[in-house]
PDB file of N, CA and C in Angstrom:
ATOM      1  N   UNK A   1      46.263 -72.612  27.027  1.00  0.00           N
ATOM      2  CA  UNK A   1      45.765 -73.927  26.761  1.00  0.00           C
ATOM      3  C   UNK A   1      45.333 -74.104  25.314  1.00  0.00           C
ATOM      4  N   UNK A   2      45.868 -73.340  24.391  1.00  0.00           N
ATOM      5  CA  UNK A   2      45.472 -73.513  22.998  1.00  0.00           C
ATOM      6  C   UNK A   2      45.674 -74.948  22.541  1.00  0.00           C
ATOM      7  N   UNK A   3      44.675 -75.471  21.838  1.00  0.00           N
ATOM      8  CA  UNK A   3      44.772 -76.816  21.299  1.00  0.00           C
ATOM      9  C   UNK A   3      44.437 -77.917  22.289  1.00  0.00           C
ATOM     10  N   UNK A   4      44.272 -77.573  23.574  1.00  0.00           N
ATOM     11  CA  UNK A   4      44.001 -78.611  24.578  1.00  0.00           C
ATOM     12  C   UNK A   4      42.531 -78.983  24.628  1.00  0.00           C
ATOM     13  N   UNK A   5      41.671 -78.139  24.080  1.00  0.00           N
ATOM     14  CA  UNK A   5      40.243 -78.395  24.156  1.00  0.00           C
ATOM     15  C   UNK A   5      39.638 -77.972  25.481  1.00  0.00           C
ATOM     16  N   UNK A   6      40.451 -77.444  26.395  1.00  0.00           N
ATOM     17  CA  UNK A   6      39.966 -77.006  27.701  1.00  0.00           C
ATOM     18  C   UNK A   6      39.599 -75.540  27.661  1.00  0.00           C
ATOM     19  N   UNK A   7      38.583 -75.186  28.416  1.00  0.00           N
ATOM     20  CA  UNK A   7      38.219 -73.785  28.557  1.00  0.00           C
ATOM     21  C   UNK A   7      39.161 -73.154  29.573  1.00  0.00           C
ATOM     22  N   UNK A   8      39.581 -71.912  29.355  1.00  0.00           N
ATOM     23  CA  UNK A   8      40.440 -71.267  30.351  1.00  0.00           C
ATOM     24  C   UNK A   8      39.661 -71.025  31.638  1.00  0.00           C
ATOM     25  N   UNK A   9      40.369 -70.996  32.748  1.00  0.00           N
ATOM     26  CA  UNK A   9      39.729 -70.719  34.033  1.00  0.00           C
ATOM     27  C   UNK A   9      39.174 -69.306  34.023  1.00  0.00           C
ATOM     28  N   UNK A  10      38.057 -69.114  34.697  1.00  0.00           N
ATOM     29  CA  UNK A  10      37.465 -67.786  34.783  1.00  0.00           C
ATOM     30  C   UNK A  10      38.407 -66.878  35.568  1.00  0.00           C
ATOM     31  N   UNK A  11      38.609 -65.631  35.101  1.00  0.00           N
ATOM     32  CA  UNK A  11      39.522 -64.727  35.807  1.00  0.00           C
ATOM     33  C   UNK A  11      39.025 -64.365  37.206  1.00  0.00           C
ATOM     34  N   UNK A  12      37.709 -64.397  37.412  1.00  0.00           N
ATOM     35  CA  UNK A  12      37.150 -64.147  38.735  1.00  0.00           C
ATOM     36  C   UNK A  12      35.750 -64.739  38.787  1.00  0.00           C
ATOM     37  N   UNK A  13      35.279 -64.962  39.994  1.00  0.00           N
ATOM     38  CA  UNK A  13      33.941 -65.509  40.157  1.00  0.00           C
ATOM     39  C   UNK A  13      32.902 -64.442  39.888  1.00  0.00           C
ATOM     40  N   UNK A  14      31.778 -64.834  39.328  1.00  0.00           N
ATOM     41  CA  UNK A  14      30.666 -63.932  39.058  1.00  0.00           C
ATOM     42  C   UNK A  14      29.399 -64.654  39.498  1.00  0.00           C
ATOM     43  N   UNK A  15      28.926 -64.330  40.692  1.00  0.00           N
ATOM     44  CA  UNK A  15      27.772 -65.028  41.244  1.00  0.00           C
ATOM     45  C   UNK A  15      26.485 -64.753  40.480  1.00  0.00           C
ATOM     46  N   UNK A  16      26.488 -63.786  39.561  1.00  0.00           N
ATOM     47  CA  UNK A  16      25.301 -63.594  38.725  1.00  0.00           C
ATOM     48  C   UNK A  16      25.199 -64.698  37.670  1.00  0.00           C
ATOM     49  N   UNK A  17      26.315 -65.373  37.382  1.00  0.00           N
ATOM     50  CA  UNK A  17      26.309 -66.482  36.422  1.00  0.00           C
ATOM     51  C   UNK A  17      25.820 -67.772  37.069  1.00  0.00           C
ATOM     52  N   UNK A  18      26.166 -67.965  38.329  1.00  0.00           N
ATOM     53  CA  UNK A  18      25.767 -69.157  39.078  1.00  0.00           C
ATOM     54  C   UNK A  18      25.958 -68.823  40.549  1.00  0.00           C
ATOM     55  N   UNK A  19      24.876 -68.818  41.308  1.00  0.00           N
ATOM     56  CA  UNK A  19      24.936 -68.364  42.704  1.00  0.00           C
ATOM     57  C   UNK A  19      25.734 -69.263  43.633  1.00  0.00           C
ATOM     58  N   UNK A  20      26.049 -70.486  43.202  1.00  0.00           N
ATOM     59  CA  UNK A  20      26.803 -71.407  44.045  1.00  0.00           C
ATOM     60  C   UNK A  20      28.269 -71.500  43.645  1.00  0.00           C
ATOM     61  N   UNK A  21      28.550 -71.537  42.348  1.00  0.00           N
ATOM     62  CA  UNK A  21      29.922 -71.758  41.868  1.00  0.00           C
ATOM     63  C   UNK A  21      30.585 -70.503  41.311  1.00  0.00           C
ATOM     64  N   UNK A  22      29.799 -69.515  40.901  1.00  0.00           N
ATOM     65  CA  UNK A  22      30.364 -68.284  40.385  1.00  0.00           C
ATOM     66  C   UNK A  22      30.858 -68.360  38.956  1.00  0.00           C
ATOM     67  N   UNK A  23      30.581 -69.450  38.276  1.00  0.00           N
ATOM     68  CA  UNK A  23      30.930 -69.602  36.860  1.00  0.00           C
ATOM     69  C   UNK A  23      29.727 -70.207  36.142  1.00  0.00           C
ATOM     70  N   UNK A  24      29.570 -69.861  34.881  1.00  0.00           N
ATOM     71  CA  UNK A  24      28.471 -70.419  34.091  1.00  0.00           C
ATOM     72  C   UNK A  24      28.777 -71.871  33.752  1.00  0.00           C
ATOM     73  N   UNK A  25      27.794 -72.723  33.920  1.00  0.00           N
ATOM     74  CA  UNK A  25      27.926 -74.128  33.552  1.00  0.00           C
ATOM     75  C   UNK A  25      27.124 -74.383  32.284  1.00  0.00           C
ATOM     76  N   UNK A  26      27.527 -75.394  31.533  1.00  0.00           N
ATOM     77  CA  UNK A  26      26.744 -75.813  30.378  1.00  0.00           C
ATOM     78  C   UNK A  26      25.480 -76.494  30.899  1.00  0.00           C
ATOM     79  N   UNK A  27      24.402 -76.404  30.154  1.00  0.00           N
ATOM     80  CA  UNK A  27      23.156 -77.111  30.500  1.00  0.00           C
ATOM     81  C   UNK A  27      22.689 -76.810  31.921  1.00  0.00           C
ATOM     82  N   UNK A  28      22.925 -75.593  32.375  1.00  0.00           N
ATOM     83  CA  UNK A  28      22.575 -75.214  33.743  1.00  0.00           C
ATOM     84  C   UNK A  28      21.060 -75.089  33.878  1.00  0.00           C
ATOM     85  N   UNK A  29      20.491 -75.719  34.924  1.00  0.00           N
ATOM     86  CA  UNK A  29      19.049 -75.628  35.146  1.00  0.00           C
ATOM     87  C   UNK A  29      18.709 -75.967  36.592  1.00  0.00           C
ATOM     88  N   UNK A  30      17.565 -75.468  37.034  1.00  0.00           N
ATOM     89  CA  UNK A  30      17.025 -75.836  38.338  1.00  0.00           C
ATOM     90  C   UNK A  30      16.190 -77.084  38.167  1.00  0.00           C
ATOM     91  N   UNK A  31      16.307 -78.004  39.115  1.00  0.00           N
ATOM     92  CA  UNK A  31      15.516 -79.227  39.128  1.00  0.00           C
ATOM     93  C   UNK A  31      15.200 -79.539  40.586  1.00  0.00           C
ATOM     94  N   UNK A  32      14.538 -80.641  40.845  1.00  0.00           N
ATOM     95  CA  UNK A  32      14.243 -81.008  42.226  1.00  0.00           C
ATOM     96  C   UNK A  32      14.849 -82.363  42.550  1.00  0.00           C
ATOM     97  N   UNK A  33      15.178 -82.523  43.803  1.00  0.00           N
ATOM     98  CA  UNK A  33      15.706 -83.778  44.325  1.00  0.00           C
ATOM     99  C   UNK A  33      14.941 -84.034  45.614  1.00  0.00           C
ATOM    100  N   UNK A  34      14.020 -84.985  45.588  1.00  0.00           N
ATOM    101  CA  UNK A  34      13.139 -85.147  46.732  1.00  0.00           C
ATOM    102  C   UNK A  34      12.330 -83.878  46.887  1.00  0.00           C
ATOM    103  N   UNK A  35      12.447 -83.252  48.045  1.00  0.00           N
ATOM    104  CA  UNK A  35      11.735 -81.999  48.294  1.00  0.00           C
ATOM    105  C   UNK A  35      12.647 -80.784  48.166  1.00  0.00           C
ATOM    106  N   UNK A  36      13.869 -80.987  47.731  1.00  0.00           N
ATOM    107  CA  UNK A  36      14.852 -79.903  47.654  1.00  0.00           C
ATOM    108  C   UNK A  36      15.008 -79.398  46.223  1.00  0.00           C
ATOM    109  N   UNK A  37      15.289 -78.092  46.095  1.00  0.00           N
ATOM    110  CA  UNK A  37      15.637 -77.520  44.799  1.00  0.00           C
ATOM    111  C   UNK A  37      17.127 -77.716  44.585  1.00  0.00           C
ATOM    112  N   UNK A  38      17.505 -77.974  43.339  1.00  0.00           N
ATOM    113  CA  UNK A  38      18.901 -78.257  43.035  1.00  0.00           C
ATOM    114  C   UNK A  38      19.265 -77.569  41.718  1.00  0.00           C
ATOM    115  N   UNK A  39      20.396 -76.861  41.714  1.00  0.00           N
ATOM    116  CA  UNK A  39      20.920 -76.253  40.499  1.00  0.00           C
ATOM    117  C   UNK A  39      21.978 -77.193  39.942  1.00  0.00           C
ATOM    118  N   UNK A  40      21.757 -77.684  38.730  1.00  0.00           N
ATOM    119  CA  UNK A  40      22.687 -78.626  38.111  1.00  0.00           C
ATOM    120  C   UNK A  40      23.224 -78.042  36.812  1.00  0.00           C
ATOM    121  N   UNK A  41      24.391 -78.502  36.426  1.00  0.00           N
ATOM    122  CA  UNK A  41      24.995 -78.094  35.166  1.00  0.00           C
ATOM    123  C   UNK A  41      26.218 -78.944  34.906  1.00  0.00           C
ATOM    124  N   UNK A  42      26.759 -78.815  33.728  1.00  0.00           N
ATOM    125  CA  UNK A  42      27.918 -79.619  33.362  1.00  0.00           C
ATOM    126  C   UNK A  42      29.097 -78.734  32.986  1.00  0.00           C
ATOM    127  N   UNK A  43      30.285 -79.278  33.186  1.00  0.00           N
ATOM    128  CA  UNK A  43      31.526 -78.653  32.733  1.00  0.00           C
ATOM    129  C   UNK A  43      32.033 -79.533  31.594  1.00  0.00           C
ATOM    130  N   UNK A  44      32.255 -78.920  30.451  1.00  0.00           N
ATOM    131  CA  UNK A  44      32.611 -79.678  29.254  1.00  0.00           C
ATOM    132  C   UNK A  44      33.886 -79.150  28.626  1.00  0.00           C
ATOM    133  N   UNK A  45      34.488 -79.991  27.805  1.00  0.00           N
ATOM    134  CA  UNK A  45      35.605 -79.561  26.971  1.00  0.00           C
ATOM    135  C   UNK A  45      35.385 -80.140  25.577  1.00  0.00           C
ATOM    136  N   UNK A  46      36.394 -80.146  24.745  1.00  0.00           N
ATOM    137  CA  UNK A  46      36.256 -80.635  23.372  1.00  0.00           C
ATOM    138  C   UNK A  46      35.866 -82.110  23.318  1.00  0.00           C
ATOM    139  N   UNK A  47      36.116 -82.850  24.394  1.00  0.00           N
ATOM    140  CA  UNK A  47      35.762 -84.270  24.450  1.00  0.00           C
ATOM    141  C   UNK A  47      34.351 -84.505  24.965  1.00  0.00           C
ATOM    142  N   UNK A  48      33.657 -83.451  25.337  1.00  0.00           N
ATOM    143  CA  UNK A  48      32.301 -83.587  25.859  1.00  0.00           C
ATOM    144  C   UNK A  48      32.227 -83.280  27.340  1.00  0.00           C
ATOM    145  N   UNK A  49      31.173 -83.756  27.972  1.00  0.00           N
ATOM    146  CA  UNK A  49      30.949 -83.500  29.397  1.00  0.00           C
ATOM    147  C   UNK A  49      31.999 -84.234  30.218  1.00  0.00           C
ATOM    148  N   UNK A  50      32.673 -83.500  31.087  1.00  0.00           N
ATOM    149  CA  UNK A  50      33.684 -84.100  31.953  1.00  0.00           C
ATOM    150  C   UNK A  50      33.226 -84.154  33.409  1.00  0.00           C
ATOM    151  N   UNK A  51      32.294 -83.277  33.786  1.00  0.00           N
ATOM    152  CA  UNK A  51      31.848 -83.253  35.172  1.00  0.00           C
ATOM    153  C   UNK A  51      30.438 -82.678  35.224  1.00  0.00           C
ATOM    154  N   UNK A  52      29.613 -83.254  36.063  1.00  0.00           N
ATOM    155  CA  UNK A  52      28.293 -82.700  36.328  1.00  0.00           C
ATOM    156  C   UNK A  52      28.298 -82.208  37.766  1.00  0.00           C
ATOM    157  N   UNK A  53      27.892 -80.969  37.958  1.00  0.00           N
ATOM    158  CA  UNK A  53      27.869 -80.372  39.287  1.00  0.00           C
ATOM    159  C   UNK A  53      26.424 -80.162  39.713  1.00  0.00           C
ATOM    160  N   UNK A  54      26.174 -80.325  40.979  1.00  0.00           N
ATOM    161  CA  UNK A  54      24.838 -80.112  41.527  1.00  0.00           C
ATOM    162  C   UNK A  54      24.967 -79.444  42.884  1.00  0.00           C
ATOM    163  N   UNK A  55      24.224 -78.386  43.078  1.00  0.00           N
ATOM    164  CA  UNK A  55      24.194 -77.692  44.363  1.00  0.00           C
ATOM    165  C   UNK A  55      22.763 -77.746  44.879  1.00  0.00           C
ATOM    166  N   UNK A  56      22.589 -78.337  46.042  1.00  0.00           N
ATOM    167  CA  UNK A  56      21.264 -78.462  46.636  1.00  0.00           C
ATOM    168  C   UNK A  56      21.019 -77.233  47.500  1.00  0.00           C
ATOM    169  N   UNK A  57      19.962 -76.501  47.175  1.00  0.00           N
ATOM    170  CA  UNK A  57      19.650 -75.258  47.877  1.00  0.00           C
ATOM    171  C   UNK A  57      19.285 -75.545  49.333  1.00  0.00           C
ATOM    172  N   UNK A  58      19.811 -74.720  50.224  1.00  0.00           N
ATOM    173  CA  UNK A  58      19.526 -74.802  51.661  1.00  0.00           C
ATOM    174  C   UNK A  58      19.894 -76.152  52.265  1.00  0.00           C
ATOM    175  N   UNK A  59      20.998 -76.714  51.816  1.00  0.00           N
ATOM    176  CA  UNK A  59      21.455 -77.982  52.374  1.00  0.00           C
ATOM    177  C   UNK A  59      22.933 -77.856  52.707  1.00  0.00           C
ATOM    178  N   UNK A  60      23.282 -78.241  53.908  1.00  0.00           N
ATOM    179  CA  UNK A  60      24.684 -78.186  54.313  1.00  0.00           C
ATOM    180  C   UNK A  60      25.497 -79.187  53.499  1.00  0.00           C
ATOM    181  N   UNK A  61      26.798 -79.180  53.682  1.00  0.00           N
ATOM    182  CA  UNK A  61      27.705 -79.990  52.862  1.00  0.00           C
ATOM    183  C   UNK A  61      27.813 -81.423  53.394  1.00  0.00           C
ATOM    184  N   UNK A  62      26.768 -82.181  53.270  1.00  0.00           N
ATOM    185  CA  UNK A  62      26.791 -83.614  53.549  1.00  0.00           C
ATOM    186  C   UNK A  62      25.717 -84.272  52.700  1.00  0.00           C
ATOM    187  N   UNK A  63      25.765 -85.554  52.595  1.00  0.00           N
ATOM    188  CA  UNK A  63      24.846 -86.265  51.710  1.00  0.00           C
ATOM    189  C   UNK A  63      23.409 -86.224  52.218  1.00  0.00           C
ATOM    190  N   UNK A  64      22.524 -86.044  51.283  1.00  0.00           N
ATOM    191  CA  UNK A  64      21.093 -86.024  51.496  1.00  0.00           C
ATOM    192  C   UNK A  64      20.601 -87.357  50.948  1.00  0.00           C
ATOM    193  N   UNK A  65      19.864 -88.132  51.738  1.00  0.00           N
ATOM    194  CA  UNK A  65      19.542 -89.510  51.376  1.00  0.00           C
ATOM    195  C   UNK A  65      19.051 -89.679  49.931  1.00  0.00           C
ATOM    196  N   UNK A  66      18.088 -88.889  49.425  1.00  0.00           N
ATOM    197  CA  UNK A  66      17.660 -89.085  48.035  1.00  0.00           C
ATOM    198  C   UNK A  66      18.753 -88.776  47.012  1.00  0.00           C
ATOM    199  N   UNK A  67      19.827 -88.118  47.456  1.00  0.00           N
ATOM    200  CA  UNK A  67      20.915 -87.775  46.549  1.00  0.00           C
ATOM    201  C   UNK A  67      21.758 -88.995  46.191  1.00  0.00           C
ATOM    202  N   UNK A  68      21.665 -90.070  46.945  1.00  0.00           N
ATOM    203  CA  UNK A  68      22.502 -91.249  46.708  1.00  0.00           C
ATOM    204  C   UNK A  68      22.351 -91.779  45.285  1.00  0.00           C
ATOM    205  N   UNK A  69      21.129 -91.861  44.778  1.00  0.00           N
ATOM    206  CA  UNK A  69      20.916 -92.352  43.409  1.00  0.00           C
ATOM    207  C   UNK A  69      21.546 -91.399  42.399  1.00  0.00           C
ATOM    208  N   UNK A  70      21.453 -90.098  42.653  1.00  0.00           N
ATOM    209  CA  UNK A  70      22.052 -89.108  41.760  1.00  0.00           C
ATOM    210  C   UNK A  70      23.574 -89.254  41.760  1.00  0.00           C
ATOM    211  N   UNK A  71      24.163 -89.446  42.943  1.00  0.00           N
ATOM    212  CA  UNK A  71      25.614 -89.620  43.055  1.00  0.00           C
ATOM    213  C   UNK A  71      26.047 -90.877  42.308  1.00  0.00           C
ATOM    214  N   UNK A  72      25.329 -91.976  42.500  1.00  0.00           N
ATOM    215  CA  UNK A  72      25.668 -93.219  41.810  1.00  0.00           C
ATOM    216  C   UNK A  72      25.543 -93.040  40.298  1.00  0.00           C
ATOM    217  N   UNK A  73      24.479 -92.365  39.849  1.00  0.00           N
ATOM    218  CA  UNK A  73      24.282 -92.144  38.419  1.00  0.00           C
ATOM    219  C   UNK A  73      25.492 -91.449  37.810  1.00  0.00           C
ATOM    220  N   UNK A  74      26.082 -90.528  38.536  1.00  0.00           N
ATOM    221  CA  UNK A  74      27.276 -89.837  38.046  1.00  0.00           C
ATOM    222  C   UNK A  74      28.505 -90.739  38.090  1.00  0.00           C
ATOM    223  N   UNK A  75      28.807 -91.316  39.244  1.00  0.00           N
ATOM    224  CA  UNK A  75      30.052 -92.058  39.412  1.00  0.00           C
ATOM    225  C   UNK A  75      30.096 -93.396  38.686  1.00  0.00           C
ATOM    226  N   UNK A  76      28.952 -93.947  38.302  1.00  0.00           N
ATOM    227  CA  UNK A  76      28.979 -95.233  37.608  1.00  0.00           C
ATOM    228  C   UNK A  76      29.661 -95.136  36.245  1.00  0.00           C
ATOM    229  N   UNK A  77      29.834 -93.931  35.728  1.00  0.00           N
ATOM    230  CA  UNK A  77      30.488 -93.751  34.431  1.00  0.00           C
ATOM    231  C   UNK A  77      32.012 -93.698  34.524  1.00  0.00           C
ATOM    232  N   UNK A  78      32.564 -93.818  35.723  1.00  0.00           N
ATOM    233  CA  UNK A  78      34.009 -93.714  35.905  1.00  0.00           C
ATOM    234  C   UNK A  78      34.560 -94.976  36.559  1.00  0.00           C
ATOM    235  N   UNK A  79      35.663 -95.465  36.021  1.00  0.00           N
ATOM    236  CA  UNK A  79      36.328 -96.656  36.557  1.00  0.00           C
ATOM    237  C   UNK A  79      37.833 -96.444  36.487  1.00  0.00           C
ATOM    238  N   UNK A  80      38.583 -97.276  37.182  1.00  0.00           N
ATOM    239  CA  UNK A  80      40.042 -97.320  37.060  1.00  0.00           C
ATOM    240  C   UNK A  80      40.423 -98.689  36.541  1.00  0.00           C
ATOM    241  N   UNK A  81      41.340 -98.705  35.584  1.00  0.00           N
ATOM    242  CA  UNK A  81      41.934 -99.962  35.148  1.00  0.00           C
ATOM    243  C   UNK A  81      42.832-100.405  36.291  1.00  0.00           C
ATOM    244  N   UNK A  82      42.551-101.556  36.881  1.00  0.00           N
ATOM    245  CA  UNK A  82      43.299-101.984  38.066  1.00  0.00           C
ATOM    246  C   UNK A  82      44.713-102.439  37.748  1.00  0.00           C
ATOM    247  N   UNK A  83      45.024-102.635  36.471  1.00  0.00           N
ATOM    248  CA  UNK A  83      46.382-103.055  36.110  1.00  0.00           C
ATOM    249  C   UNK A  83      47.306-101.881  35.838  1.00  0.00           C
ATOM    250  N   UNK A  84      46.785-100.826  35.179  1.00  0.00           N
ATOM    251  CA  UNK A  84      47.676 -99.712  34.845  1.00  0.00           C
ATOM    252  C   UNK A  84      47.230 -98.372  35.439  1.00  0.00           C
ATOM    253  N   UNK A  85      46.104 -98.353  36.145  1.00  0.00           N
ATOM    254  CA  UNK A  85      45.645 -97.132  36.794  1.00  0.00           C
ATOM    255  C   UNK A  85      44.965 -96.137  35.882  1.00  0.00           C
ATOM    256  N   UNK A  86      44.794 -96.467  34.601  1.00  0.00           N
ATOM    257  CA  UNK A  86      44.174 -95.538  33.654  1.00  0.00           C
ATOM    258  C   UNK A  86      42.713 -95.290  34.026  1.00  0.00           C
ATOM    259  N   UNK A  87      42.275 -94.054  33.840  1.00  0.00           N
ATOM    260  CA  UNK A  87      40.885 -93.697  34.073  1.00  0.00           C
ATOM    261  C   UNK A  87      40.062 -94.114  32.863  1.00  0.00           C
ATOM    262  N   UNK A  88      38.958 -94.786  33.110  1.00  0.00           N
ATOM    263  CA  UNK A  88      38.045 -95.210  32.046  1.00  0.00           C
ATOM    264  C   UNK A  88      36.757 -94.422  32.229  1.00  0.00           C
ATOM    265  N   UNK A  89      36.354 -93.689  31.189  1.00  0.00           N
ATOM    266  CA  UNK A  89      35.121 -92.909  31.236  1.00  0.00           C
ATOM    267  C   UNK A  89      34.139 -93.555  30.272  1.00  0.00           C
ATOM    268  N   UNK A  90      33.038 -94.057  30.808  1.00  0.00           N
ATOM    269  CA  UNK A  90      32.002 -94.675  29.988  1.00  0.00           C
ATOM    270  C   UNK A  90      31.064 -93.588  29.501  1.00  0.00           C
ATOM    271  N   UNK A  91      30.944 -93.427  28.201  1.00  0.00           N
ATOM    272  CA  UNK A  91      30.083 -92.403  27.632  1.00  0.00           C
ATOM    273  C   UNK A  91      28.709 -92.981  27.352  1.00  0.00           C
ATOM    274  N   UNK A  92      27.672 -92.263  27.764  1.00  0.00           N
ATOM    275  CA  UNK A  92      26.309 -92.705  27.481  1.00  0.00           C
ATOM    276  C   UNK A  92      25.935 -92.418  26.034  1.00  0.00           C
ATOM    277  N   UNK A  93      26.803 -91.715  25.313  1.00  0.00           N
ATOM    278  CA  UNK A  93      26.533 -91.364  23.921  1.00  0.00           C
ATOM    279  C   UNK A  93      26.978 -92.443  22.955  1.00  0.00           C
ATOM    280  N   UNK A  94      27.591 -93.518  23.436  1.00  0.00           N
ATOM    281  CA  UNK A  94      28.092 -94.575  22.561  1.00  0.00           C
ATOM    282  C   UNK A  94      26.970 -95.483  22.135  1.00  0.00           C
TER     283      UNK A  94
END
């Protein structure tokens, strides 16, 4: 991927880097969501942050009511051009 600005995929998972995803994330930190602990971090490339990941500790894989605002906060930055299908990413850094 030289010149693409993308980081190469990790050759293998290392749970010492991140107990949920097995890869180190940028800006990785523990925070709280309601009464739950959450490990959050971002995946970035040369264009900046492309994805924010969050793993809620001790929570099965379904939505947790207080998480709705967090989910909206993430997805509100992404749109589709309805005429040509292009992805539009709204940057908060503008």
